[in-house]
């Protein structure tokens, strides 16, 4: 039985010059919107079934930008009696009910939302991410690689959605690049706090990555004649523009090179130390 407001696997039952018809079972044979030209009778296709504004059953091969149980960064395209409507890649816009707006939204604005099924069986959105996503680590462990969606900002750092299921924090001091809302990026579990909440990093935590950064710094020094005008007192923006890493990781790397007596660190520059050999 096909589900409304969901993707269903349907069978092409006929093809005419005007329409590709699909078997929607109890809903009958319906014309498929956005049908690929390569379809043939008998083919199976994943299609989205929904009711339009006139309460007619419609079906489209267009792919939504997210499905139930996922988060997405979507644009508000209009407002109505019951809430705002978001463009999620389908002919029928997605409702963001007033009751699910954690803050006022505006037409033209982009917001991170969670998609869920309401009591009437419709797919709708919410900006109350913490109502639907877990802030506890669950089965995640330190060092795990995860997919992140940047969803918010606070005095401490950026809040990110983890694998569509959980929420974690990237501290400002750990940033290796500028972040923006809606950015999808690879990340790692940096630490699990005593209260079970998750600290994140967008920098690879393994020793190999740290060794590579040290080699890049030495290479840059060699190419610059032994000195570069960047140091542990430089701004995070300057460090990122040169090495594409956070200030914290840069300081860690030059600290290691200093302990190995490969460089000396001055307030405005670092300099390579020539070996006696």
C-alpha atoms as a PDB file:
ATOM      1  CA  UNK A   1       0.000   0.000   0.000  1.00  0.00           C
ATOM      2  CA  UNK A   2       1.594   3.311  -1.065  1.00  0.00           C
ATOM      3  CA  UNK A   3       2.058   5.960   1.624  1.00  0.00           C
ATOM      4  CA  UNK A   4       1.120   9.573   1.086  1.00  0.00           C
ATOM      5  CA  UNK A   5       3.910  12.105   1.701  1.00  0.00           C
ATOM      6  CA  UNK A   6       6.474   9.315   1.290  1.00  0.00           C
ATOM      7  CA  UNK A   7       8.634   7.841  -1.452  1.00  0.00           C
ATOM      8  CA  UNK A   8       7.106   4.620  -2.809  1.00  0.00           C
ATOM      9  CA  UNK A   9       8.321   2.092  -5.351  1.00  0.00           C
ATOM     10  CA  UNK A  10       5.740   2.099  -8.143  1.00  0.00           C
ATOM     11  CA  UNK A  11       5.362   0.287 -11.474  1.00  0.00           C
ATOM     12  CA  UNK A  12       5.031   2.004 -14.852  1.00  0.00           C
ATOM     13  CA  UNK A  13       1.775   0.637 -16.282  1.00  0.00           C
ATOM     14  CA  UNK A  14       1.533   2.574 -19.561  1.00  0.00           C
ATOM     15  CA  UNK A  15       3.265   5.242 -21.598  1.00  0.00           C
ATOM     16  CA  UNK A  16       1.505   7.686 -23.917  1.00  0.00           C
ATOM     17  CA  UNK A  17       2.838  10.667 -25.878  1.00  0.00           C
ATOM     18  CA  UNK A  18       1.526  12.905 -23.090  1.00  0.00           C
ATOM     19  CA  UNK A  19       2.010  10.912 -19.888  1.00  0.00           C
ATOM     20  CA  UNK A  20       3.846   8.149 -18.100  1.00  0.00           C
ATOM     21  CA  UNK A  21       1.252   6.361 -15.975  1.00  0.00           C
ATOM     22  CA  UNK A  22       2.163   4.531 -12.778  1.00  0.00           C
ATOM     23  CA  UNK A  23       0.174   2.026 -10.759  1.00  0.00           C
ATOM     24  CA  UNK A  24      -0.582   3.612  -7.384  1.00  0.00           C
ATOM     25  CA  UNK A  25      -2.687   0.636  -6.295  1.00  0.00           C
ATOM     26  CA  UNK A  26      -5.795   1.797  -4.408  1.00  0.00           C
ATOM     27  CA  UNK A  27      -5.208   5.351  -5.684  1.00  0.00           C
ATOM     28  CA  UNK A  28      -5.439   4.108  -9.283  1.00  0.00           C
ATOM     29  CA  UNK A  29      -3.240   4.749 -12.306  1.00  0.00           C
ATOM     30  CA  UNK A  30      -1.824   8.266 -12.098  1.00  0.00           C
ATOM     31  CA  UNK A  31       0.358  10.413 -14.384  1.00  0.00           C
ATOM     32  CA  UNK A  32       3.940  10.656 -13.144  1.00  0.00           C
ATOM     33  CA  UNK A  33       5.274  14.205 -12.951  1.00  0.00           C
ATOM     34  CA  UNK A  34       8.973  14.805 -13.738  1.00  0.00           C
ATOM     35  CA  UNK A  35       9.200  11.344 -15.303  1.00  0.00           C
ATOM     36  CA  UNK A  36      12.614  10.329 -16.737  1.00  0.00           C
ATOM     37  CA  UNK A  37      12.511   9.937 -20.519  1.00  0.00           C
ATOM     38  CA  UNK A  38      14.172   6.522 -20.356  1.00  0.00           C
ATOM     39  CA  UNK A  39      11.254   4.796 -18.606  1.00  0.00           C
ATOM     40  CA  UNK A  40       9.546   1.801 -20.207  1.00  0.00           C
ATOM     41  CA  UNK A  41       6.375  -0.088 -19.375  1.00  0.00           C
ATOM     42  CA  UNK A  42       6.942  -2.460 -16.446  1.00  0.00           C
ATOM     43  CA  UNK A  43       9.840  -0.447 -14.974  1.00  0.00           C
ATOM     44  CA  UNK A  44       9.961   0.155 -11.226  1.00  0.00           C
ATOM     45  CA  UNK A  45      10.536   3.719 -10.074  1.00  0.00           C
ATOM     46  CA  UNK A  46      10.784   5.479  -6.716  1.00  0.00           C
ATOM     47  CA  UNK A  47       8.185   8.256  -6.667  1.00  0.00           C
ATOM     48  CA  UNK A  48       6.670  10.619  -4.129  1.00  0.00           C
ATOM     49  CA  UNK A  49       2.904  10.466  -3.515  1.00  0.00           C
ATOM     50  CA  UNK A  50       1.088  13.521  -2.127  1.00  0.00           C
ATOM     51  CA  UNK A  51      -2.114  15.576  -2.097  1.00  0.00           C
ATOM     52  CA  UNK A  52      -2.079  18.913  -3.920  1.00  0.00           C
ATOM     53  CA  UNK A  53      -3.838  22.115  -2.826  1.00  0.00           C
ATOM     54  CA  UNK A  54      -7.077  20.835  -4.377  1.00  0.00           C
ATOM     55  CA  UNK A  55      -6.785  17.582  -2.353  1.00  0.00           C
ATOM     56  CA  UNK A  56      -6.023  15.522  -5.476  1.00  0.00           C
ATOM     57  CA  UNK A  57      -3.606  12.583  -5.254  1.00  0.00           C
ATOM     58  CA  UNK A  58      -0.448  13.372  -7.236  1.00  0.00           C
ATOM     59  CA  UNK A  59       2.798  11.511  -7.886  1.00  0.00           C
ATOM     60  CA  UNK A  60       6.221  12.828  -8.898  1.00  0.00           C
ATOM     61  CA  UNK A  61       9.627  11.353  -9.659  1.00  0.00           C
ATOM     62  CA  UNK A  62      11.298  14.480  -8.227  1.00  0.00           C
ATOM     63  CA  UNK A  63      13.554  13.741  -5.275  1.00  0.00           C
ATOM     64  CA  UNK A  64      13.002  15.601  -1.990  1.00  0.00           C
ATOM     65  CA  UNK A  65      15.988  17.308  -0.385  1.00  0.00           C
ATOM     66  CA  UNK A  66      15.342  15.296   2.783  1.00  0.00           C
ATOM     67  CA  UNK A  67      12.985  12.635   4.088  1.00  0.00           C
ATOM     68  CA  UNK A  68      11.322  11.854   7.412  1.00  0.00           C
ATOM     69  CA  UNK A  69      13.912  11.439  10.167  1.00  0.00           C
ATOM     70  CA  UNK A  70      16.469  13.711   8.478  1.00  0.00           C
ATOM     71  CA  UNK A  71      17.569  17.337   8.781  1.00  0.00           C
ATOM     72  CA  UNK A  72      17.960  19.781   5.911  1.00  0.00           C
ATOM     73  CA  UNK A  73      18.734  23.441   5.257  1.00  0.00           C
ATOM     74  CA  UNK A  74      15.623  24.718   3.485  1.00  0.00           C
ATOM     75  CA  UNK A  75      14.304  28.039   2.194  1.00  0.00           C
ATOM     76  CA  UNK A  76      11.006  29.596   3.267  1.00  0.00           C
ATOM     77  CA  UNK A  77       9.059  30.379   0.092  1.00  0.00           C
ATOM     78  CA  UNK A  78       5.713  31.516   1.512  1.00  0.00           C
ATOM     79  CA  UNK A  79       3.592  31.892   4.623  1.00  0.00           C
ATOM     80  CA  UNK A  80       0.049  30.724   5.246  1.00  0.00           C
ATOM     81  CA  UNK A  81      -2.661  30.371   7.852  1.00  0.00           C
ATOM     82  CA  UNK A  82      -0.969  27.442   9.601  1.00  0.00           C
ATOM     83  CA  UNK A  83       2.711  28.289   9.224  1.00  0.00           C
ATOM     84  CA  UNK A  84       5.512  28.790   6.730  1.00  0.00           C
ATOM     85  CA  UNK A  85       6.170  26.705   3.628  1.00  0.00           C
ATOM     86  CA  UNK A  86       9.601  25.414   2.642  1.00  0.00           C
ATOM     87  CA  UNK A  87      11.050  24.430  -0.726  1.00  0.00           C
ATOM     88  CA  UNK A  88      12.176  20.821  -0.338  1.00  0.00           C
ATOM     89  CA  UNK A  89      12.524  19.964  -4.015  1.00  0.00           C
ATOM     90  CA  UNK A  90       8.959  18.771  -4.655  1.00  0.00           C
ATOM     91  CA  UNK A  91       5.943  20.402  -6.339  1.00  0.00           C
ATOM     92  CA  UNK A  92       4.174  20.519  -2.948  1.00  0.00           C
ATOM     93  CA  UNK A  93       5.998  22.736  -0.437  1.00  0.00           C
ATOM     94  CA  UNK A  94       6.747  21.482   3.079  1.00  0.00           C
ATOM     95  CA  UNK A  95       4.803  22.947   6.009  1.00  0.00           C
ATOM     96  CA  UNK A  96       6.694  24.386   8.981  1.00  0.00           C
ATOM     97  CA  UNK A  97       3.825  24.858  11.482  1.00  0.00           C
ATOM     98  CA  UNK A  98       3.824  27.922  13.715  1.00  0.00           C
ATOM     99  CA  UNK A  99       3.923  25.606  16.741  1.00  0.00           C
ATOM    100  CA  UNK A 100       7.181  24.080  15.431  1.00  0.00           C
ATOM    101  CA  UNK A 101       8.998  27.391  14.933  1.00  0.00           C
ATOM    102  CA  UNK A 102      11.583  27.852  17.685  1.00  0.00           C
ATOM    103  CA  UNK A 103      12.048  31.435  16.441  1.00  0.00           C
ATOM    104  CA  UNK A 104      10.300  33.625  13.860  1.00  0.00           C
ATOM    105  CA  UNK A 105      11.124  32.726  10.264  1.00  0.00           C
ATOM    106  CA  UNK A 106      10.826  34.963   7.213  1.00  0.00           C
ATOM    107  CA  UNK A 107      10.134  34.414   3.539  1.00  0.00           C
ATOM    108  CA  UNK A 108      13.448  34.080   1.708  1.00  0.00           C
ATOM    109  CA  UNK A 109      15.301  32.891   4.804  1.00  0.00           C
ATOM    110  CA  UNK A 110      17.084  29.539   5.058  1.00  0.00           C
ATOM    111  CA  UNK A 111      16.771  27.371   8.171  1.00  0.00           C
ATOM    112  CA  UNK A 112      17.893  23.970   9.427  1.00  0.00           C
ATOM    113  CA  UNK A 113      14.805  21.845  10.071  1.00  0.00           C
ATOM    114  CA  UNK A 114      13.962  18.301  11.111  1.00  0.00           C
ATOM    115  CA  UNK A 115      11.347  16.368   9.116  1.00  0.00           C
ATOM    116  CA  UNK A 116       8.797  14.205  10.917  1.00  0.00           C
ATOM    117  CA  UNK A 117       5.319  12.743  10.439  1.00  0.00           C
ATOM    118  CA  UNK A 118       2.563  14.541  12.345  1.00  0.00           C
ATOM    119  CA  UNK A 119      -0.550  12.982  13.879  1.00  0.00           C
ATOM    120  CA  UNK A 120      -2.439  13.214  10.581  1.00  0.00           C
ATOM    121  CA  UNK A 121       0.297  11.346   8.699  1.00  0.00           C
ATOM    122  CA  UNK A 122       1.694  14.406   6.891  1.00  0.00           C
ATOM    123  CA  UNK A 123       5.402  15.122   6.560  1.00  0.00           C
ATOM    124  CA  UNK A 124       6.101  18.457   8.259  1.00  0.00           C
ATOM    125  CA  UNK A 125       9.167  20.335   9.535  1.00  0.00           C
ATOM    126  CA  UNK A 126      10.386  21.695  12.861  1.00  0.00           C
ATOM    127  CA  UNK A 127      13.164  24.053  13.943  1.00  0.00           C
ATOM    128  CA  UNK A 128      12.997  22.614  17.486  1.00  0.00           C
ATOM    129  CA  UNK A 129      15.903  20.283  16.707  1.00  0.00           C
ATOM    130  CA  UNK A 130      16.498  19.384  20.362  1.00  0.00           C
ATOM    131  CA  UNK A 131      12.943  17.981  20.567  1.00  0.00           C
ATOM    132  CA  UNK A 132      13.768  15.320  17.984  1.00  0.00           C
ATOM    133  CA  UNK A 133      17.544  14.825  18.150  1.00  0.00           C
ATOM    134  CA  UNK A 134      19.460  13.266  21.028  1.00  0.00           C
ATOM    135  CA  UNK A 135      22.152  15.326  22.783  1.00  0.00           C
ATOM    136  CA  UNK A 136      23.571  12.189  24.426  1.00  0.00           C
ATOM    137  CA  UNK A 137      26.415  10.292  22.746  1.00  0.00           C
ATOM    138  CA  UNK A 138      24.526   6.993  22.406  1.00  0.00           C
ATOM    139  CA  UNK A 139      26.843   4.509  20.676  1.00  0.00           C
ATOM    140  CA  UNK A 140      29.260   7.167  19.402  1.00  0.00           C
ATOM    141  CA  UNK A 141      32.882   6.978  20.580  1.00  0.00           C
ATOM    142  CA  UNK A 142      35.814   9.373  20.630  1.00  0.00           C
ATOM    143  CA  UNK A 143      37.499   9.414  17.226  1.00  0.00           C
ATOM    144  CA  UNK A 144      34.425   8.261  15.249  1.00  0.00           C
ATOM    145  CA  UNK A 145      34.041   9.908  11.839  1.00  0.00           C
ATOM    146  CA  UNK A 146      30.608  11.522  11.381  1.00  0.00           C
ATOM    147  CA  UNK A 147      28.618  13.627   8.923  1.00  0.00           C
ATOM    148  CA  UNK A 148      27.749  17.088  10.233  1.00  0.00           C
ATOM    149  CA  UNK A 149      25.222  19.773   9.338  1.00  0.00           C
ATOM    150  CA  UNK A 150      25.940  23.179  10.915  1.00  0.00           C
ATOM    151  CA  UNK A 151      22.699  24.231  12.591  1.00  0.00           C
ATOM    152  CA  UNK A 152      23.325  26.990  15.150  1.00  0.00           C
ATOM    153  CA  UNK A 153      25.796  29.248  16.909  1.00  0.00           C
ATOM    154  CA  UNK A 154      26.400  30.194  20.548  1.00  0.00           C
ATOM    155  CA  UNK A 155      29.069  31.925  22.622  1.00  0.00           C
ATOM    156  CA  UNK A 156      30.898  28.588  22.910  1.00  0.00           C
ATOM    157  CA  UNK A 157      30.832  27.546  19.281  1.00  0.00           C
ATOM    158  CA  UNK A 158      28.698  26.017  16.542  1.00  0.00           C
ATOM    159  CA  UNK A 159      25.944  23.469  17.124  1.00  0.00           C
ATOM    160  CA  UNK A 160      25.930  20.666  14.559  1.00  0.00           C
ATOM    161  CA  UNK A 161      23.567  17.837  13.651  1.00  0.00           C
ATOM    162  CA  UNK A 162      25.400  14.489  13.727  1.00  0.00           C
ATOM    163  CA  UNK A 163      24.311  11.844  11.182  1.00  0.00           C
ATOM    164  CA  UNK A 164      20.743  13.280  11.312  1.00  0.00           C
ATOM    165  CA  UNK A 165      20.355  11.765  14.804  1.00  0.00           C
ATOM    166  CA  UNK A 166      22.229  13.747  17.450  1.00  0.00           C
ATOM    167  CA  UNK A 167      23.505  17.191  18.328  1.00  0.00           C
ATOM    168  CA  UNK A 168      27.046  18.194  19.245  1.00  0.00           C
ATOM    169  CA  UNK A 169      29.246  21.269  19.648  1.00  0.00           C
ATOM    170  CA  UNK A 170      32.289  22.548  17.747  1.00  0.00           C
ATOM    171  CA  UNK A 171      34.143  25.038  19.951  1.00  0.00           C
ATOM    172  CA  UNK A 172      35.284  28.323  18.409  1.00  0.00           C
ATOM    173  CA  UNK A 173      38.866  27.518  19.386  1.00  0.00           C
ATOM    174  CA  UNK A 174      38.784  24.292  17.361  1.00  0.00           C
ATOM    175  CA  UNK A 175      37.690  25.882  14.092  1.00  0.00           C
ATOM    176  CA  UNK A 176      39.966  25.191  11.160  1.00  0.00           C
ATOM    177  CA  UNK A 177      37.796  27.076   8.678  1.00  0.00           C
ATOM    178  CA  UNK A 178      34.908  29.557   8.658  1.00  0.00           C
ATOM    179  CA  UNK A 179      31.540  27.884   9.201  1.00  0.00           C
ATOM    180  CA  UNK A 180      28.052  28.882   8.097  1.00  0.00           C
ATOM    181  CA  UNK A 181      24.575  27.593   8.810  1.00  0.00           C
ATOM    182  CA  UNK A 182      23.539  24.770   6.506  1.00  0.00           C
ATOM    183  CA  UNK A 183      27.103  23.693   5.719  1.00  0.00           C
ATOM    184  CA  UNK A 184      27.554  19.930   5.340  1.00  0.00           C
ATOM    185  CA  UNK A 185      30.994  18.820   6.454  1.00  0.00           C
ATOM    186  CA  UNK A 186      32.924  15.794   7.661  1.00  0.00           C
ATOM    187  CA  UNK A 187      33.764  15.715  11.356  1.00  0.00           C
ATOM    188  CA  UNK A 188      35.017  13.590  14.228  1.00  0.00           C
ATOM    189  CA  UNK A 189      33.941  12.942  17.802  1.00  0.00           C
ATOM    190  CA  UNK A 190      36.494  14.887  19.822  1.00  0.00           C
ATOM    191  CA  UNK A 191      35.267  13.957  23.295  1.00  0.00           C
ATOM    192  CA  UNK A 192      32.309  12.657  25.266  1.00  0.00           C
ATOM    193  CA  UNK A 193      31.630  14.860  28.285  1.00  0.00           C
ATOM    194  CA  UNK A 194      30.731  13.536  31.723  1.00  0.00           C
ATOM    195  CA  UNK A 195      27.089  14.494  31.118  1.00  0.00           C
ATOM    196  CA  UNK A 196      27.111  12.434  27.899  1.00  0.00           C
ATOM    197  CA  UNK A 197      27.073  15.431  25.553  1.00  0.00           C
ATOM    198  CA  UNK A 198      29.268  15.461  22.478  1.00  0.00           C
ATOM    199  CA  UNK A 199      32.226  17.687  21.593  1.00  0.00           C
ATOM    200  CA  UNK A 200      33.083  17.712  17.895  1.00  0.00           C
ATOM    201  CA  UNK A 201      36.091  18.480  15.733  1.00  0.00           C
ATOM    202  CA  UNK A 202      36.261  19.230  12.027  1.00  0.00           C
ATOM    203  CA  UNK A 203      39.964  18.364  12.053  1.00  0.00           C
ATOM    204  CA  UNK A 204      41.163  14.797  11.698  1.00  0.00           C
ATOM    205  CA  UNK A 205      42.331  13.702  15.143  1.00  0.00           C
ATOM    206  CA  UNK A 206      44.838  11.039  14.163  1.00  0.00           C
ATOM    207  CA  UNK A 207      48.600  11.347  14.592  1.00  0.00           C
ATOM    208  CA  UNK A 208      49.179  10.988  10.860  1.00  0.00           C
ATOM    209  CA  UNK A 209      47.276  14.226  10.167  1.00  0.00           C
ATOM    210  CA  UNK A 210      49.280  16.050  12.835  1.00  0.00           C
ATOM    211  CA  UNK A 211      52.556  14.762  11.402  1.00  0.00           C
ATOM    212  CA  UNK A 212      51.476  15.924   7.942  1.00  0.00           C
ATOM    213  CA  UNK A 213      50.798  19.434   9.268  1.00  0.00           C
ATOM    214  CA  UNK A 214      54.290  19.593  10.764  1.00  0.00           C
ATOM    215  CA  UNK A 215      55.774  18.540   7.411  1.00  0.00           C
ATOM    216  CA  UNK A 216      53.712  21.211   5.623  1.00  0.00           C
ATOM    217  CA  UNK A 217      55.028  23.880   8.000  1.00  0.00           C
ATOM    218  CA  UNK A 218      58.625  22.770   7.423  1.00  0.00           C
ATOM    219  CA  UNK A 219      58.049  22.717   3.652  1.00  0.00           C
ATOM    220  CA  UNK A 220      56.587  26.244   3.765  1.00  0.00           C
ATOM    221  CA  UNK A 221      59.597  27.421   5.770  1.00  0.00           C
ATOM    222  CA  UNK A 222      61.997  25.851   3.267  1.00  0.00           C
ATOM    223  CA  UNK A 223      60.222  27.460   0.300  1.00  0.00           C
ATOM    224  CA  UNK A 224      60.239  30.851   2.056  1.00  0.00           C
ATOM    225  CA  UNK A 225      63.959  30.736   2.768  1.00  0.00           C
ATOM    226  CA  UNK A 226      63.675  29.585   6.370  1.00  0.00           C
ATOM    227  CA  UNK A 227      61.248  32.140   7.808  1.00  0.00           C
ATOM    228  CA  UNK A 228      57.528  32.871   7.542  1.00  0.00           C
ATOM    229  CA  UNK A 229      55.721  35.829   9.132  1.00  0.00           C
ATOM    230  CA  UNK A 230      53.178  33.784  11.030  1.00  0.00           C
ATOM    231  CA  UNK A 231      53.374  32.598  14.626  1.00  0.00           C
ATOM    232  CA  UNK A 232      51.349  31.444  17.621  1.00  0.00           C
ATOM    233  CA  UNK A 233      50.262  35.066  18.136  1.00  0.00           C
ATOM    234  CA  UNK A 234      48.809  35.335  14.611  1.00  0.00           C
ATOM    235  CA  UNK A 235      45.038  35.526  14.180  1.00  0.00           C
ATOM    236  CA  UNK A 236      43.021  32.360  13.426  1.00  0.00           C
ATOM    237  CA  UNK A 237      42.041  33.899  10.065  1.00  0.00           C
ATOM    238  CA  UNK A 238      45.675  34.407   9.005  1.00  0.00           C
ATOM    239  CA  UNK A 239      46.636  30.876  10.080  1.00  0.00           C
ATOM    240  CA  UNK A 240      43.692  29.366   8.228  1.00  0.00           C
ATOM    241  CA  UNK A 241      44.459  31.359   5.060  1.00  0.00           C
ATOM    242  CA  UNK A 242      47.939  29.803   4.933  1.00  0.00           C
ATOM    243  CA  UNK A 243      47.565  26.298   6.362  1.00  0.00           C
ATOM    244  CA  UNK A 244      43.769  25.642   6.348  1.00  0.00           C
ATOM    245  CA  UNK A 245      43.842  24.513  10.016  1.00  0.00           C
ATOM    246  CA  UNK A 246      42.686  25.924  13.330  1.00  0.00           C
ATOM    247  CA  UNK A 247      44.955  28.119  15.430  1.00  0.00           C
ATOM    248  CA  UNK A 248      44.859  25.445  18.143  1.00  0.00           C
ATOM    249  CA  UNK A 249      46.200  22.751  15.801  1.00  0.00           C
ATOM    250  CA  UNK A 250      48.784  25.125  14.344  1.00  0.00           C
ATOM    251  CA  UNK A 251      50.084  25.990  17.831  1.00  0.00           C
ATOM    252  CA  UNK A 252      50.234  22.293  18.668  1.00  0.00           C
ATOM    253  CA  UNK A 253      52.256  21.587  15.512  1.00  0.00           C
ATOM    254  CA  UNK A 254      54.793  24.401  15.935  1.00  0.00           C
ATOM    255  CA  UNK A 255      55.088  23.486  19.615  1.00  0.00           C
ATOM    256  CA  UNK A 256      56.083  19.981  18.570  1.00  0.00           C
ATOM    257  CA  UNK A 257      58.573  21.332  16.020  1.00  0.00           C
ATOM    258  CA  UNK A 258      60.019  23.637  18.682  1.00  0.00           C
ATOM    259  CA  UNK A 259      60.506  20.712  21.094  1.00  0.00           C
ATOM    260  CA  UNK A 260      62.298  18.843  18.311  1.00  0.00           C
ATOM    261  CA  UNK A 261      64.557  21.916  17.938  1.00  0.00           C
ATOM    262  CA  UNK A 262      63.577  22.303  14.301  1.00  0.00           C
ATOM    263  CA  UNK A 263      62.234  25.847  14.594  1.00  0.00           C
ATOM    264  CA  UNK A 264      62.323  28.857  16.860  1.00  0.00           C
ATOM    265  CA  UNK A 265      59.154  30.784  17.654  1.00  0.00           C
ATOM    266  CA  UNK A 266      59.033  34.580  17.838  1.00  0.00           C
ATOM    267  CA  UNK A 267      55.968  36.773  18.424  1.00  0.00           C
ATOM    268  CA  UNK A 268      55.557  37.657  14.720  1.00  0.00           C
ATOM    269  CA  UNK A 269      57.326  34.838  12.881  1.00  0.00           C
ATOM    270  CA  UNK A 270      58.736  31.323  13.044  1.00  0.00           C
ATOM    271  CA  UNK A 271      62.165  30.443  11.732  1.00  0.00           C
ATOM    272  CA  UNK A 272      63.763  27.176  10.770  1.00  0.00           C
ATOM    273  CA  UNK A 273      66.854  26.130  12.733  1.00  0.00           C
ATOM    274  CA  UNK A 274      69.660  24.896  10.541  1.00  0.00           C
ATOM    275  CA  UNK A 275      71.048  21.535  11.611  1.00  0.00           C
ATOM    276  CA  UNK A 276      74.761  21.302  12.502  1.00  0.00           C
ATOM    277  CA  UNK A 277      75.194  18.733   9.779  1.00  0.00           C
END
